[in-house]
PDB file of N, CA and C in Angstrom:
ATOM      1  N   LYS A   1    -105.005  98.207 -92.341  1.00  0.00           N
ATOM      2  CA  LYS A   1    -104.924  99.131 -91.154  1.00  0.00           C
ATOM      3  C   LYS A   1    -103.540  99.819 -91.262  1.00  0.00           C
ATOM      4  N   ILE A   2    -103.535 101.084 -91.053  1.00  0.00           N
ATOM      5  CA  ILE A   2    -102.341 101.906 -91.194  1.00  0.00           C
ATOM      6  C   ILE A   2    -101.192 101.452 -90.253  1.00  0.00           C
ATOM      7  N   LEU A   3    -101.485 101.036 -89.082  1.00  0.00           N
ATOM      8  CA  LEU A   3    -100.463 100.617 -88.130  1.00  0.00           C
ATOM      9  C   LEU A   3     -99.779  99.258 -88.625  1.00  0.00           C
ATOM     10  N   ASP A   4    -100.629  98.439 -89.269  1.00  0.00           N
ATOM     11  CA  ASP A   4    -100.036  97.182 -89.849  1.00  0.00           C
ATOM     12  C   ASP A   4     -99.008  97.521 -90.928  1.00  0.00           C
ATOM     13  N   ILE A   5     -99.358  98.559 -91.753  1.00  0.00           N
ATOM     14  CA  ILE A   5     -98.413  98.961 -92.831  1.00  0.00           C
ATOM     15  C   ILE A   5     -97.126  99.509 -92.180  1.00  0.00           C
ATOM     16  N   ALA A   6     -97.284 100.331 -91.168  1.00  0.00           N
ATOM     17  CA  ALA A   6     -96.051 100.850 -90.501  1.00  0.00           C
ATOM     18  C   ALA A   6     -95.260  99.770 -89.919  1.00  0.00           C
ATOM     19  N   ARG A   7     -95.855  98.814 -89.277  1.00  0.00           N
ATOM     20  CA  ARG A   7     -95.144  97.651 -88.697  1.00  0.00           C
ATOM     21  C   ARG A   7     -94.447  96.819 -89.804  1.00  0.00           C
ATOM     22  N   ALA A   8     -95.082  96.728 -91.023  1.00  0.00           N
ATOM     23  CA  ALA A   8     -94.560  95.931 -92.063  1.00  0.00           C
ATOM     24  C   ALA A   8     -93.248  96.539 -92.628  1.00  0.00           C
ATOM     25  N   VAL A   9     -93.253  97.869 -92.750  1.00  0.00           N
ATOM     26  CA  VAL A   9     -92.124  98.532 -93.390  1.00  0.00           C
ATOM     27  C   VAL A   9     -91.133  99.105 -92.421  1.00  0.00           C
ATOM     28  N   ALA A  10     -91.539  99.462 -91.231  1.00  0.00           N
ATOM     29  CA  ALA A  10     -90.657 100.106 -90.207  1.00  0.00           C
ATOM     30  C   ALA A  10     -91.018  99.635 -88.847  1.00  0.00           C
ATOM     31  N   PRO A  11     -90.818  98.378 -88.516  1.00  0.00           N
ATOM     32  CA  PRO A  11     -91.381  97.835 -87.260  1.00  0.00           C
ATOM     33  C   PRO A  11     -90.900  98.562 -86.019  1.00  0.00           C
ATOM     34  N   ASN A  12     -89.698  99.189 -86.064  1.00  0.00           N
ATOM     35  CA  ASN A  12     -89.090  99.872 -84.928  1.00  0.00           C
ATOM     36  C   ASN A  12     -89.467 101.321 -84.861  1.00  0.00           C
ATOM     37  N   CYS A  13     -90.191 101.826 -85.791  1.00  0.00           N
ATOM     38  CA  CYS A  13     -90.543 103.221 -85.907  1.00  0.00           C
ATOM     39  C   CYS A  13     -91.532 103.593 -84.791  1.00  0.00           C
ATOM     40  N   ARG A  14     -91.385 104.727 -84.194  1.00  0.00           N
ATOM     41  CA  ARG A  14     -92.292 105.197 -83.166  1.00  0.00           C
ATOM     42  C   ARG A  14     -93.606 105.667 -83.790  1.00  0.00           C
ATOM     43  N   THR A  15     -94.651 105.295 -83.139  1.00  0.00           N
ATOM     44  CA  THR A  15     -96.009 105.754 -83.670  1.00  0.00           C
ATOM     45  C   THR A  15     -96.715 106.373 -82.578  1.00  0.00           C
ATOM     46  N   ASP A  16     -97.453 107.410 -82.911  1.00  0.00           N
ATOM     47  CA  ASP A  16     -98.227 108.216 -81.930  1.00  0.00           C
ATOM     48  C   ASP A  16     -99.699 108.156 -82.371  1.00  0.00           C
ATOM     49  N   MET A  17    -100.637 107.805 -81.548  1.00  0.00           N
ATOM     50  CA  MET A  17    -102.037 107.864 -81.809  1.00  0.00           C
ATOM     51  C   MET A  17    -102.534 109.301 -81.539  1.00  0.00           C
ATOM     52  N   ILE A  18    -102.974 110.007 -82.618  1.00  0.00           N
ATOM     53  CA  ILE A  18    -103.326 111.404 -82.463  1.00  0.00           C
ATOM     54  C   ILE A  18    -104.800 111.659 -82.641  1.00  0.00           C
ATOM     55  N   GLY A  19    -105.558 110.545 -82.896  1.00  0.00           N
ATOM     56  CA  GLY A  19    -106.981 110.704 -83.112  1.00  0.00           C
ATOM     57  C   GLY A  19    -107.321 111.045 -84.538  1.00  0.00           C
ATOM     58  N   ILE A  20    -108.599 111.282 -84.734  1.00  0.00           N
ATOM     59  CA  ILE A  20    -109.099 111.481 -86.109  1.00  0.00           C
ATOM     60  C   ILE A  20    -108.926 112.997 -86.405  1.00  0.00           C
ATOM     61  N   ARG A  21    -108.520 113.305 -87.572  1.00  0.00           N
ATOM     62  CA  ARG A  21    -108.430 114.741 -87.947  1.00  0.00           C
ATOM     63  C   ARG A  21    -109.647 115.101 -88.750  1.00  0.00           C
ATOM     64  N   ALA A  22    -109.893 116.404 -88.774  1.00  0.00           N
ATOM     65  CA  ALA A  22    -111.083 116.920 -89.563  1.00  0.00           C
ATOM     66  C   ALA A  22    -111.001 116.460 -91.017  1.00  0.00           C
ATOM     67  N   GLY A  23    -112.055 115.899 -91.460  1.00  0.00           N
ATOM     68  CA  GLY A  23    -112.173 115.499 -92.886  1.00  0.00           C
ATOM     69  C   GLY A  23    -111.581 114.093 -93.094  1.00  0.00           C
ATOM     70  N   GLU A  24    -110.996 113.469 -92.140  1.00  0.00           N
ATOM     71  CA  GLU A  24    -110.390 112.169 -92.283  1.00  0.00           C
ATOM     72  C   GLU A  24    -111.533 111.133 -92.370  1.00  0.00           C
ATOM     73  N   LYS A  25    -111.360 110.148 -93.273  1.00  0.00           N
ATOM     74  CA  LYS A  25    -112.296 109.057 -93.414  1.00  0.00           C
ATOM     75  C   LYS A  25    -111.908 107.947 -92.432  1.00  0.00           C
ATOM     76  N   ILE A  26    -112.943 107.400 -91.769  1.00  0.00           N
ATOM     77  CA  ILE A  26    -112.696 106.261 -90.908  1.00  0.00           C
ATOM     78  C   ILE A  26    -112.808 104.945 -91.722  1.00  0.00           C
ATOM     79  N   HIS A  27    -113.743 104.920 -92.662  1.00  0.00           N
ATOM     80  CA  HIS A  27    -113.892 103.771 -93.491  1.00  0.00           C
ATOM     81  C   HIS A  27    -113.915 104.157 -94.994  1.00  0.00           C
ATOM     82  N   GLU A  28    -113.403 103.358 -95.835  1.00  0.00           N
ATOM     83  CA  GLU A  28    -113.411 103.646 -97.269  1.00  0.00           C
ATOM     84  C   GLU A  28    -114.505 102.854 -97.925  1.00  0.00           C
ATOM     85  N   GLU A  29    -115.369 103.606 -98.623  1.00  0.00           N
ATOM     86  CA  GLU A  29    -116.573 103.023 -99.309  1.00  0.00           C
ATOM     87  C   GLU A  29    -116.092 102.679-100.700  1.00  0.00           C
ATOM     88  N   MET A  30    -116.025 101.375-101.035  1.00  0.00           N
ATOM     89  CA  MET A  30    -115.611 100.964-102.373  1.00  0.00           C
ATOM     90  C   MET A  30    -116.810 100.707-103.274  1.00  0.00           C
ATOM     91  N   ILE A  31    -117.825 100.035-102.712  1.00  0.00           N
ATOM     92  CA  ILE A  31    -119.013  99.860-103.513  1.00  0.00           C
ATOM     93  C   ILE A  31    -120.219 100.237-102.647  1.00  0.00           C
ATOM     94  N   THR A  32    -120.993 101.154-103.123  1.00  0.00           N
ATOM     95  CA  THR A  32    -122.145 101.667-102.356  1.00  0.00           C
ATOM     96  C   THR A  32    -123.392 100.724-102.655  1.00  0.00           C
ATOM     97  N   GLU A  33    -124.431 100.903-101.827  1.00  0.00           N
ATOM     98  CA  GLU A  33    -125.600 100.111-102.027  1.00  0.00           C
ATOM     99  C   GLU A  33    -126.259 100.518-103.433  1.00  0.00           C
ATOM    100  N   THR A  34    -126.125 101.780-103.793  1.00  0.00           N
ATOM    101  CA  THR A  34    -126.632 102.175-105.113  1.00  0.00           C
ATOM    102  C   THR A  34    -125.889 101.460-106.251  1.00  0.00           C
ATOM    103  N   ASP A  35    -124.518 101.308-106.082  1.00  0.00           N
ATOM    104  CA  ASP A  35    -123.722 100.693-107.030  1.00  0.00           C
ATOM    105  C   ASP A  35    -124.125  99.179-107.217  1.00  0.00           C
ATOM    106  N   SER A  36    -124.638  98.629-106.201  1.00  0.00           N
ATOM    107  CA  SER A  36    -125.025  97.163-106.202  1.00  0.00           C
ATOM    108  C   SER A  36    -125.860  96.827-107.428  1.00  0.00           C
ATOM    109  N   LEU A  37    -126.623  97.775-107.895  1.00  0.00           N
ATOM    110  CA  LEU A  37    -127.476  97.531-109.102  1.00  0.00           C
ATOM    111  C   LEU A  37    -126.722  97.127-110.305  1.00  0.00           C
ATOM    112  N   ASN A  38    -125.465  97.578-110.358  1.00  0.00           N
ATOM    113  CA  ASN A  38    -124.675  97.313-111.593  1.00  0.00           C
ATOM    114  C   ASN A  38    -123.351  96.539-111.179  1.00  0.00           C
ATOM    115  N   THR A  39    -123.295  95.936-110.041  1.00  0.00           N
ATOM    116  CA  THR A  39    -122.160  95.299-109.576  1.00  0.00           C
ATOM    117  C   THR A  39    -122.215  93.738-109.765  1.00  0.00           C
ATOM    118  N   PHE A  40    -121.081  93.221-110.157  1.00  0.00           N
ATOM    119  CA  PHE A  40    -120.963  91.773-110.401  1.00  0.00           C
ATOM    120  C   PHE A  40    -119.721  91.214-109.664  1.00  0.00           C
ATOM    121  N   ASP A  41    -119.894  90.042-109.101  1.00  0.00           N
ATOM    122  CA  ASP A  41    -118.861  89.282-108.370  1.00  0.00           C
ATOM    123  C   ASP A  41    -118.148  88.450-109.420  1.00  0.00           C
ATOM    124  N   CYS A  42    -116.887  88.683-109.663  1.00  0.00           N
ATOM    125  CA  CYS A  42    -116.125  87.952-110.676  1.00  0.00           C
ATOM    126  C   CYS A  42    -115.052  86.996-109.963  1.00  0.00           C
ATOM    127  N   GLY A  43    -115.343  86.673-108.733  1.00  0.00           N
ATOM    128  CA  GLY A  43    -114.442  85.789-107.992  1.00  0.00           C
ATOM    129  C   GLY A  43    -113.441  86.547-107.198  1.00  0.00           C
ATOM    130  N   LYS A  44    -112.284  86.890-107.701  1.00  0.00           N
ATOM    131  CA  LYS A  44    -111.300  87.630-107.040  1.00  0.00           C
ATOM    132  C   LYS A  44    -111.493  89.135-106.920  1.00  0.00           C
ATOM    133  N   TYR A  45    -112.509  89.623-107.662  1.00  0.00           N
ATOM    134  CA  TYR A  45    -112.733  91.040-107.675  1.00  0.00           C
ATOM    135  C   TYR A  45    -114.178  91.285-108.048  1.00  0.00           C
ATOM    136  N   TYR A  46    -114.607  92.547-107.813  1.00  0.00           N
ATOM    137  CA  TYR A  46    -115.928  92.986-108.225  1.00  0.00           C
ATOM    138  C   TYR A  46    -115.817  93.984-109.365  1.00  0.00           C
ATOM    139  N   VAL A  47    -116.864  93.983-110.233  1.00  0.00           N
ATOM    140  CA  VAL A  47    -116.877  94.873-111.343  1.00  0.00           C
ATOM    141  C   VAL A  47    -118.183  95.696-111.273  1.00  0.00           C
ATOM    142  N   ILE A  48    -118.072  96.989-111.326  1.00  0.00           N
ATOM    143  CA  ILE A  48    -119.217  97.952-111.450  1.00  0.00           C
ATOM    144  C   ILE A  48    -119.378  98.295-112.915  1.00  0.00           C
ATOM    145  N   ASN A  49    -120.361  97.762-113.564  1.00  0.00           N
ATOM    146  CA  ASN A  49    -120.577  98.116-114.960  1.00  0.00           C
ATOM    147  C   ASN A  49    -121.342  99.387-115.080  1.00  0.00           C
ATOM    148  N   PRO A  50    -121.163 100.067-116.263  1.00  0.00           N
ATOM    149  CA  PRO A  50    -121.886 101.297-116.566  1.00  0.00           C
ATOM    150  C   PRO A  50    -123.410 101.040-116.541  1.00  0.00           C
ATOM    151  N   THR A  51    -124.193 102.113-116.262  1.00  0.00           N
ATOM    152  CA  THR A  51    -125.616 101.941-116.260  1.00  0.00           C
ATOM    153  C   THR A  51    -126.170 101.582-117.618  1.00  0.00           C
ATOM    154  N   VAL A  52    -125.542 102.089-118.660  1.00  0.00           N
ATOM    155  CA  VAL A  52    -125.923 101.730-120.039  1.00  0.00           C
ATOM    156  C   VAL A  52    -124.749 100.975-120.695  1.00  0.00           C
ATOM    157  N   PRO A  53    -124.755  99.670-120.660  1.00  0.00           N
ATOM    158  CA  PRO A  53    -123.621  98.962-121.182  1.00  0.00           C
ATOM    159  C   PRO A  53    -123.589  98.942-122.710  1.00  0.00           C
ATOM    160  N   ILE A  54    -122.388  98.745-123.283  1.00  0.00           N
ATOM    161  CA  ILE A  54    -122.252  98.722-124.692  1.00  0.00           C
ATOM    162  C   ILE A  54    -122.166  97.294-125.223  1.00  0.00           C
ATOM    163  N   TRP A  55    -122.440  96.315-124.297  1.00  0.00           N
ATOM    164  CA  TRP A  55    -122.447  94.962-124.702  1.00  0.00           C
ATOM    165  C   TRP A  55    -123.747  94.241-124.181  1.00  0.00           C
ATOM    166  N   LYS A  56    -123.953  93.043-124.696  1.00  0.00           N
ATOM    167  CA  LYS A  56    -125.067  92.311-124.213  1.00  0.00           C
ATOM    168  C   LYS A  56    -124.719  91.702-122.874  1.00  0.00           C
ATOM    169  N   GLU A  57    -125.508  92.057-121.803  1.00  0.00           N
ATOM    170  CA  GLU A  57    -125.159  91.655-120.470  1.00  0.00           C
ATOM    171  C   GLU A  57    -125.025  90.207-120.262  1.00  0.00           C
ATOM    172  N   SER A  58    -125.830  89.359-120.814  1.00  0.00           N
ATOM    173  CA  SER A  58    -125.736  87.918-120.662  1.00  0.00           C
ATOM    174  C   SER A  58    -124.404  87.357-121.255  1.00  0.00           C
ATOM    175  N   ASP A  59    -124.007  87.967-122.384  1.00  0.00           N
ATOM    176  CA  ASP A  59    -122.707  87.597-123.004  1.00  0.00           C
ATOM    177  C   ASP A  59    -121.468  87.926-122.058  1.00  0.00           C
ATOM    178  N   TRP A  60    -121.637  89.138-121.485  1.00  0.00           N
ATOM    179  CA  TRP A  60    -120.574  89.604-120.566  1.00  0.00           C
ATOM    180  C   TRP A  60    -120.483  88.709-119.372  1.00  0.00           C
ATOM    181  N   ILE A  61    -121.667  88.341-118.771  1.00  0.00           N
ATOM    182  CA  ILE A  61    -121.685  87.477-117.603  1.00  0.00           C
ATOM    183  C   ILE A  61    -121.060  86.109-117.884  1.00  0.00           C
ATOM    184  N   THR A  62    -121.401  85.570-119.015  1.00  0.00           N
ATOM    185  CA  THR A  62    -120.833  84.263-119.462  1.00  0.00           C
ATOM    186  C   THR A  62    -119.325  84.366-119.633  1.00  0.00           C
ATOM    187  N   HIS A  63    -118.933  85.364-120.333  1.00  0.00           N
ATOM    188  CA  HIS A  63    -117.500  85.566-120.662  1.00  0.00           C
ATOM    189  C   HIS A  63    -116.628  85.683-119.368  1.00  0.00           C
ATOM    190  N   PHE A  64    -117.091  86.485-118.422  1.00  0.00           N
ATOM    191  CA  PHE A  64    -116.335  86.714-117.205  1.00  0.00           C
ATOM    192  C   PHE A  64    -116.733  85.905-116.044  1.00  0.00           C
ATOM    193  N   LYS A  65    -117.640  84.859-116.285  1.00  0.00           N
ATOM    194  CA  LYS A  65    -118.142  83.989-115.202  1.00  0.00           C
ATOM    195  C   LYS A  65    -118.579  84.842-114.069  1.00  0.00           C
ATOM    196  N   ALA A  66    -119.290  85.834-114.315  1.00  0.00           N
ATOM    197  CA  ALA A  66    -119.726  86.768-113.296  1.00  0.00           C
ATOM    198  C   ALA A  66    -121.052  86.415-112.648  1.00  0.00           C
ATOM    199  N   LYS A  67    -121.265  86.846-111.408  1.00  0.00           N
ATOM    200  CA  LYS A  67    -122.570  86.690-110.733  1.00  0.00           C
ATOM    201  C   LYS A  67    -122.995  88.100-110.280  1.00  0.00           C
ATOM    202  N   ARG A  68    -124.253  88.398-110.488  1.00  0.00           N
ATOM    203  CA  ARG A  68    -124.715  89.670-110.031  1.00  0.00           C
ATOM    204  C   ARG A  68    -124.796  89.611-108.466  1.00  0.00           C
ATOM    205  N   VAL A  69    -124.391  90.686-107.757  1.00  0.00           N
ATOM    206  CA  VAL A  69    -124.532  90.736-106.353  1.00  0.00           C
ATOM    207  C   VAL A  69    -125.937  91.018-105.891  1.00  0.00           C
ATOM    208  N   GLU A  70    -126.251  90.744-104.673  1.00  0.00           N
ATOM    209  CA  GLU A  70    -127.594  90.947-104.166  1.00  0.00           C
ATOM    210  C   GLU A  70    -127.899  92.459-104.122  1.00  0.00           C
ATOM    211  N   PRO A  71    -129.111  92.902-104.380  1.00  0.00           N
ATOM    212  CA  PRO A  71    -129.506  94.318-104.220  1.00  0.00           C
ATOM    213  C   PRO A  71    -129.201  94.737-102.797  1.00  0.00           C
ATOM    214  N   GLY A  72    -128.628  95.906-102.681  1.00  0.00           N
ATOM    215  CA  GLY A  72    -128.254  96.453-101.307  1.00  0.00           C
ATOM    216  C   GLY A  72    -126.862  96.032-100.881  1.00  0.00           C
ATOM    217  N   PHE A  73    -126.125  95.259-101.679  1.00  0.00           N
ATOM    218  CA  PHE A  73    -124.803  94.890-101.375  1.00  0.00           C
ATOM    219  C   PHE A  73    -123.943  96.090-101.178  1.00  0.00           C
ATOM    220  N   LYS A  74    -123.053  96.090-100.318  1.00  0.00           N
ATOM    221  CA  LYS A  74    -122.063  97.180-100.204  1.00  0.00           C
ATOM    222  C   LYS A  74    -120.737  96.582 -99.714  1.00  0.00           C
ATOM    223  N   TYR A  75    -119.659  97.309-100.156  1.00  0.00           N
ATOM    224  CA  TYR A  75    -118.330  96.821 -99.842  1.00  0.00           C
ATOM    225  C   TYR A  75    -117.502  98.031 -99.306  1.00  0.00           C
ATOM    226  N   ASN A  76    -117.170  97.897 -98.082  1.00  0.00           N
ATOM    227  CA  ASN A  76    -116.407  99.025 -97.417  1.00  0.00           C
ATOM    228  C   ASN A  76    -115.541  98.498 -96.270  1.00  0.00           C
ATOM    229  N   SER A  77    -114.545  99.282 -95.975  1.00  0.00           N
ATOM    230  CA  SER A  77    -113.576  98.814 -94.955  1.00  0.00           C
ATOM    231  C   SER A  77    -114.211  98.582 -93.560  1.00  0.00           C
ATOM    232  N   GLY A  78    -115.297  99.265 -93.259  1.00  0.00           N
ATOM    233  CA  GLY A  78    -115.959  99.082 -91.976  1.00  0.00           C
ATOM    234  C   GLY A  78    -116.577  97.697 -91.800  1.00  0.00           C
ATOM    235  N   ALA A  79    -116.989  97.157 -92.912  1.00  0.00           N
ATOM    236  CA  ALA A  79    -117.678  95.782 -92.881  1.00  0.00           C
ATOM    237  C   ALA A  79    -116.654  94.670 -93.271  1.00  0.00           C
ATOM    238  N   ASN A  80    -115.372  95.016 -93.503  1.00  0.00           N
ATOM    239  CA  ASN A  80    -114.441  94.046 -93.950  1.00  0.00           C
ATOM    240  C   ASN A  80    -114.013  93.130 -92.736  1.00  0.00           C
ATOM    241  N   ASN A  81    -113.881  91.909 -93.000  1.00  0.00           N
ATOM    242  CA  ASN A  81    -113.377  90.952 -92.003  1.00  0.00           C
ATOM    243  C   ASN A  81    -112.174  90.167 -92.471  1.00  0.00           C
ATOM    244  N   GLU A  82    -111.607  90.570 -93.598  1.00  0.00           N
ATOM    245  CA  GLU A  82    -110.403  89.919 -94.121  1.00  0.00           C
ATOM    246  C   GLU A  82    -109.304  91.035 -94.201  1.00  0.00           C
ATOM    247  N   TRP A  83    -108.314  90.939 -93.306  1.00  0.00           N
ATOM    248  CA  TRP A  83    -107.233  91.785 -93.275  1.00  0.00           C
ATOM    249  C   TRP A  83    -105.891  91.062 -93.492  1.00  0.00           C
ATOM    250  N   LEU A  84    -105.004  91.823 -94.147  1.00  0.00           N
ATOM    251  CA  LEU A  84    -103.648  91.224 -94.428  1.00  0.00           C
ATOM    252  C   LEU A  84    -102.828  91.255 -93.098  1.00  0.00           C
ATOM    253  N   THR A  85    -102.062  90.279 -92.911  1.00  0.00           N
ATOM    254  CA  THR A  85    -101.108  90.305 -91.771  1.00  0.00           C
ATOM    255  C   THR A  85     -99.857  91.145 -92.190  1.00  0.00           C
ATOM    256  N   VAL A  86     -99.060  91.470 -91.186  1.00  0.00           N
ATOM    257  CA  VAL A  86     -97.923  92.189 -91.483  1.00  0.00           C
ATOM    258  C   VAL A  86     -96.937  91.455 -92.472  1.00  0.00           C
ATOM    259  N   GLU A  87     -96.862  90.201 -92.268  1.00  0.00           N
ATOM    260  CA  GLU A  87     -96.010  89.348 -93.233  1.00  0.00           C
ATOM    261  C   GLU A  87     -96.644  89.339 -94.552  1.00  0.00           C
ATOM    262  N   GLU A  88     -97.929  89.238 -94.704  1.00  0.00           N
ATOM    263  CA  GLU A  88     -98.558  89.267 -96.076  1.00  0.00           C
ATOM    264  C   GLU A  88     -98.285  90.583 -96.724  1.00  0.00           C
ATOM    265  N   ILE A  89     -98.316  91.666 -95.946  1.00  0.00           N
ATOM    266  CA  ILE A  89     -98.041  93.020 -96.509  1.00  0.00           C
ATOM    267  C   ILE A  89     -96.570  93.001 -97.075  1.00  0.00           C
ATOM    268  N   ARG A  90     -95.666  92.552 -96.286  1.00  0.00           N
ATOM    269  CA  ARG A  90     -94.288  92.470 -96.730  1.00  0.00           C
ATOM    270  C   ARG A  90     -94.056  91.666 -97.992  1.00  0.00           C
ATOM    271  N   ASN A  91     -94.793  90.545 -98.053  1.00  0.00           N
ATOM    272  CA  ASN A  91     -94.656  89.711 -99.209  1.00  0.00           C
ATOM    273  C   ASN A  91     -95.224  90.394-100.461  1.00  0.00           C
ATOM    274  N   LEU A  92     -96.274  91.203-100.310  1.00  0.00           N
ATOM    275  CA  LEU A  92     -96.866  91.950-101.437  1.00  0.00           C
ATOM    276  C   LEU A  92     -95.855  93.027-101.874  1.00  0.00           C
ATOM    277  N   ILE A  93     -95.150  93.632-100.948  1.00  0.00           N
ATOM    278  CA  ILE A  93     -94.173  94.660-101.358  1.00  0.00           C
ATOM    279  C   ILE A  93     -93.059  93.994-102.150  1.00  0.00           C
ATOM    280  N   LYS A  94     -92.604  92.781-101.683  1.00  0.00           N
ATOM    281  CA  LYS A  94     -91.568  92.095-102.391  1.00  0.00           C
ATOM    282  C   LYS A  94     -91.992  91.690-103.802  1.00  0.00           C
ATOM    283  N   GLN A  95     -93.263  91.241-103.915  1.00  0.00           N
ATOM    284  CA  GLN A  95     -93.883  90.779-105.140  1.00  0.00           C
ATOM    285  C   GLN A  95     -94.110  91.860-106.149  1.00  0.00           C
ATOM    286  N   HIS A  96     -94.606  93.025-105.700  1.00  0.00           N
ATOM    287  CA  HIS A  96     -95.089  94.050-106.609  1.00  0.00           C
ATOM    288  C   HIS A  96     -94.267  95.355-106.617  1.00  0.00           C
ATOM    289  N   VAL A  97     -93.452  95.599-105.607  1.00  0.00           N
ATOM    290  CA  VAL A  97     -92.766  96.856-105.510  1.00  0.00           C
ATOM    291  C   VAL A  97     -91.252  96.725-105.610  1.00  0.00           C
ATOM    292  N   ASP A  98     -90.647  95.884-104.689  1.00  0.00           N
ATOM    293  CA  ASP A  98     -89.211  95.761-104.575  1.00  0.00           C
ATOM    294  C   ASP A  98     -88.890  94.322-104.135  1.00  0.00           C
ATOM    295  N   PRO A  99     -88.407  93.545-105.067  1.00  0.00           N
ATOM    296  CA  PRO A  99     -88.085  92.161-104.718  1.00  0.00           C
ATOM    297  C   PRO A  99     -86.933  92.027-103.614  1.00  0.00           C
ATOM    298  N   THR A 100     -86.180  93.084-103.451  1.00  0.00           N
ATOM    299  CA  THR A 100     -85.120  93.039-102.438  1.00  0.00           C
ATOM    300  C   THR A 100     -85.502  93.632-101.089  1.00  0.00           C
ATOM    301  N   PHE A 101     -86.810  93.980-100.985  1.00  0.00           N
ATOM    302  CA  PHE A 101     -87.266  94.587 -99.697  1.00  0.00           C
ATOM    303  C   PHE A 101     -87.010  93.710 -98.547  1.00  0.00           C
ATOM    304  N   ALA A 102     -86.413  94.278 -97.511  1.00  0.00           N
ATOM    305  CA  ALA A 102     -86.203  93.487 -96.253  1.00  0.00           C
ATOM    306  C   ALA A 102     -86.308  94.489 -95.081  1.00  0.00           C
ATOM    307  N   VAL A 103     -86.703  94.009 -93.943  1.00  0.00           N
ATOM    308  CA  VAL A 103     -86.937  94.795 -92.758  1.00  0.00           C
ATOM    309  C   VAL A 103     -85.591  94.643 -91.964  1.00  0.00           C
ATOM    310  N   SER A 104     -85.058  95.785 -91.514  1.00  0.00           N
ATOM    311  CA  SER A 104     -83.843  95.743 -90.758  1.00  0.00           C
ATOM    312  C   SER A 104     -84.219  95.429 -89.267  1.00  0.00           C
ATOM    313  N   PRO A 105     -83.399  94.618 -88.618  1.00  0.00           N
ATOM    314  CA  PRO A 105     -83.684  94.285 -87.223  1.00  0.00           C
ATOM    315  C   PRO A 105     -83.510  95.469 -86.298  1.00  0.00           C
TER     316      PRO A 105
END
C-alpha cells in the first residue's frame, strides 16, 4: 500500500488523500485467469511459462519442484491478503537498497 511505503521512508511527511486519478489502477493484475493455463507455483514465486516451451514440461516441473496452479487461478493486489508491515518495508530497504537506511525521528 502506498501509504505504508510513505510511512516507512518518511513517517512525518504530510499526506493528502486526493482520490483516484483518471487512468490510475486500483489493483495490479500479476497473473490473469488466462495465464493460469501456463502458471506454476514454485514455492516462493510463480512462473508463467511460454505457451510453446522449449523443454520437456515434466523435466522442468521436476527440476524446479513446481506445481501447476488450478485452472482459473489469478494473482492480483485486490485479492491479496499478505501485506508487508512498515517495519518489514524498512528492513527490505536496508537489505536490498541501502544498508545504512534509517528513519529520522
